[in-house]
Protein backbone atom coordinates (compact mmCIF):
# COMPACT_ATOMS: atom_id res chain seq x y z
CA GLN A 1 -8.96 -16.76 3.17
CA VAL A 2 -6.74 -13.51 3.79
CA HIS A 3 -8.65 -10.60 4.97
CA LEU A 4 -7.09 -7.41 4.27
CA VAL A 5 -8.03 -3.97 6.34
CA GLU A 6 -6.49 -0.82 5.26
CA SER A 7 -6.10 2.41 7.54
CA GLY A 8 -4.55 5.77 7.47
CA GLY A 9 -6.35 7.62 4.40
CA GLY A 10 -7.40 10.98 4.56
CA LEU A 11 -7.02 14.61 3.49
CA VAL A 12 -3.77 16.29 3.56
CA GLN A 13 -1.88 19.72 1.94
CA PRO A 14 0.14 19.35 -0.80
CA GLY A 15 3.79 18.66 0.81
CA GLY A 16 2.44 16.93 3.62
CA SER A 17 2.77 13.32 4.53
CA LEU A 18 0.40 10.38 5.29
CA ARG A 19 0.79 6.61 6.97
CA LEU A 20 -1.40 4.06 5.39
CA SER A 21 -1.04 0.98 7.22
CA CYS A 22 -2.45 -2.43 6.54
CA VAL A 23 -3.39 -5.30 8.84
CA ALA A 24 -3.62 -9.05 7.30
CA SER A 25 -5.92 -11.58 9.20
CA GLY A 26 -6.04 -15.09 8.98
CA ARG A 27 -2.02 -16.14 7.15
CA ASN A 28 1.13 -16.49 7.86
CA SER A 29 2.54 -13.22 6.79
CA SER A 30 6.07 -14.66 5.61
CA ASP A 31 4.16 -16.40 2.62
CA TYR A 32 2.80 -13.53 1.16
CA VAL A 33 4.48 -10.73 -1.49
CA MET A 34 2.67 -7.33 -0.20
CA ALA A 35 2.06 -4.33 -2.33
CA TRP A 36 0.23 -1.16 -2.16
CA TYR A 37 -1.53 -0.10 -5.43
CA ARG A 38 -3.91 3.28 -6.22
CA GLN A 39 -6.57 4.15 -8.23
CA ALA A 40 -7.46 7.50 -9.36
CA PRO A 41 -10.75 8.02 -10.80
CA GLY A 42 -10.95 7.50 -14.31
CA LYS A 43 -7.44 5.72 -14.21
CA LYS A 44 -6.26 2.27 -14.14
CA ARG A 45 -5.09 0.92 -11.11
CA GLU A 46 -1.47 0.98 -10.37
CA VAL A 47 1.23 -0.36 -8.35
CA VAL A 48 2.77 2.06 -5.84
CA ALA A 49 5.19 -0.36 -3.95
CA ARG A 50 5.99 -3.95 -3.23
CA ILE A 51 7.92 -5.94 -0.79
CA ASP A 52 8.79 -9.62 -0.38
CA SER A 53 8.45 -11.97 2.36
CA GLY A 54 12.09 -11.09 3.20
CA GLY A 55 12.04 -7.21 2.74
CA GLY A 56 13.20 -6.33 -0.64
CA THR A 57 11.49 -3.55 -1.85
CA GLU A 58 10.43 -2.14 -5.49
CA TYR A 59 8.69 1.30 -6.12
CA ASN A 60 7.10 2.75 -9.36
CA ASP A 61 9.03 5.25 -10.77
CA PHE A 62 6.90 7.86 -9.94
CA VAL A 63 7.48 7.48 -6.39
CA GLU A 64 10.74 9.38 -6.62
CA GLY A 65 12.23 8.52 -3.20
CA ARG A 66 9.21 10.02 -1.76
CA PHE A 67 7.49 6.47 -0.13
CA THR A 68 8.56 4.01 1.56
CA ILE A 69 6.99 0.67 2.09
CA SER A 70 7.65 -1.73 5.23
CA ARG A 71 6.44 -4.69 6.75
CA ASP A 72 6.06 -6.50 10.15
CA ASN A 73 5.50 -9.94 9.73
CA ALA A 74 5.24 -10.75 13.51
CA LYS A 75 2.17 -8.18 13.52
CA ASN A 76 0.83 -9.05 9.89
CA THR A 77 1.48 -5.52 8.79
CA VAL A 78 2.47 -3.52 5.70
CA ASP A 79 2.72 0.16 6.12
CA LEU A 80 3.18 2.85 3.26
CA GLN A 81 4.95 6.27 4.53
CA MET A 82 4.22 8.64 1.91
CA ASN A 83 5.98 11.76 2.11
CA SER A 84 5.80 15.41 -0.36
CA LEU A 85 2.48 14.56 -1.53
CA THR A 86 1.46 16.34 -4.31
CA PRO A 87 -2.70 16.32 -5.72
CA GLU A 88 -1.29 13.89 -8.32
CA ASP A 89 -0.99 11.27 -5.75
CA THR A 90 -4.97 11.95 -5.07
CA ALA A 91 -6.43 8.19 -5.42
CA ALA A 92 -8.05 5.03 -3.93
CA TYR A 93 -5.09 3.18 -2.26
CA TYR A 94 -5.21 -0.71 -1.90
CA CYS A 95 -3.18 -3.22 0.07
CA TYR A 96 -2.59 -6.40 -1.80
CA ALA A 97 -1.31 -9.92 -0.82
CA MET A 98 -0.35 -12.44 -3.07
CA ASN A 99 0.36 -16.24 -1.68
CA ARG A 100 4.34 -16.78 -2.84
CA PHE A 101 3.68 -20.42 -3.61
CA ASN A 102 0.40 -20.71 -5.30
CA ALA A 103 -0.10 -17.00 -6.62
CA VAL A 104 -3.50 -16.71 -4.82
CA SER A 105 -4.07 -13.00 -4.26
CA TYR A 106 -6.25 -10.57 -2.07
CA TRP A 107 -6.98 -7.15 -2.03
CA GLY A 108 -8.35 -4.80 1.20
CA GLN A 109 -11.28 -2.57 0.75
CA GLY A 110 -9.36 0.63 -0.11
CA THR A 111 -8.49 3.62 1.96
CA GLN A 112 -8.94 7.07 0.29
CA VAL A 113 -6.20 9.71 0.22
CA THR A 114 -6.97 13.25 -1.07
CA VAL A 115 -4.10 15.92 -1.67
CA SER A 116 -5.53 19.22 -1.56
CA ALA A 117 -5.28 22.63 -0.50
């Protein structure tokens, strides 16, 4: 069983920055592909960014160079640095982990990000 706990959400003004963190317990970090998803009210959950066990990254097009995903396998953490935030980035952000051997996946409880003046 893997337990994911997110932190770092909050209220920020447009143009501001936030750093989300996810701590994973109960697993060997290097066995998992990690990702951040988000879900805005009334919208489907969508991937924001993902990072594989070797550090390779992919981003959704809407990121446009504003966000950076990173991981520390020794600490079992994955972070999402978000810059130049806009109101359209307002959503609940979820940490996601998928075992790269058997595709079993896990979700965190989510952390709210609100971008508003």
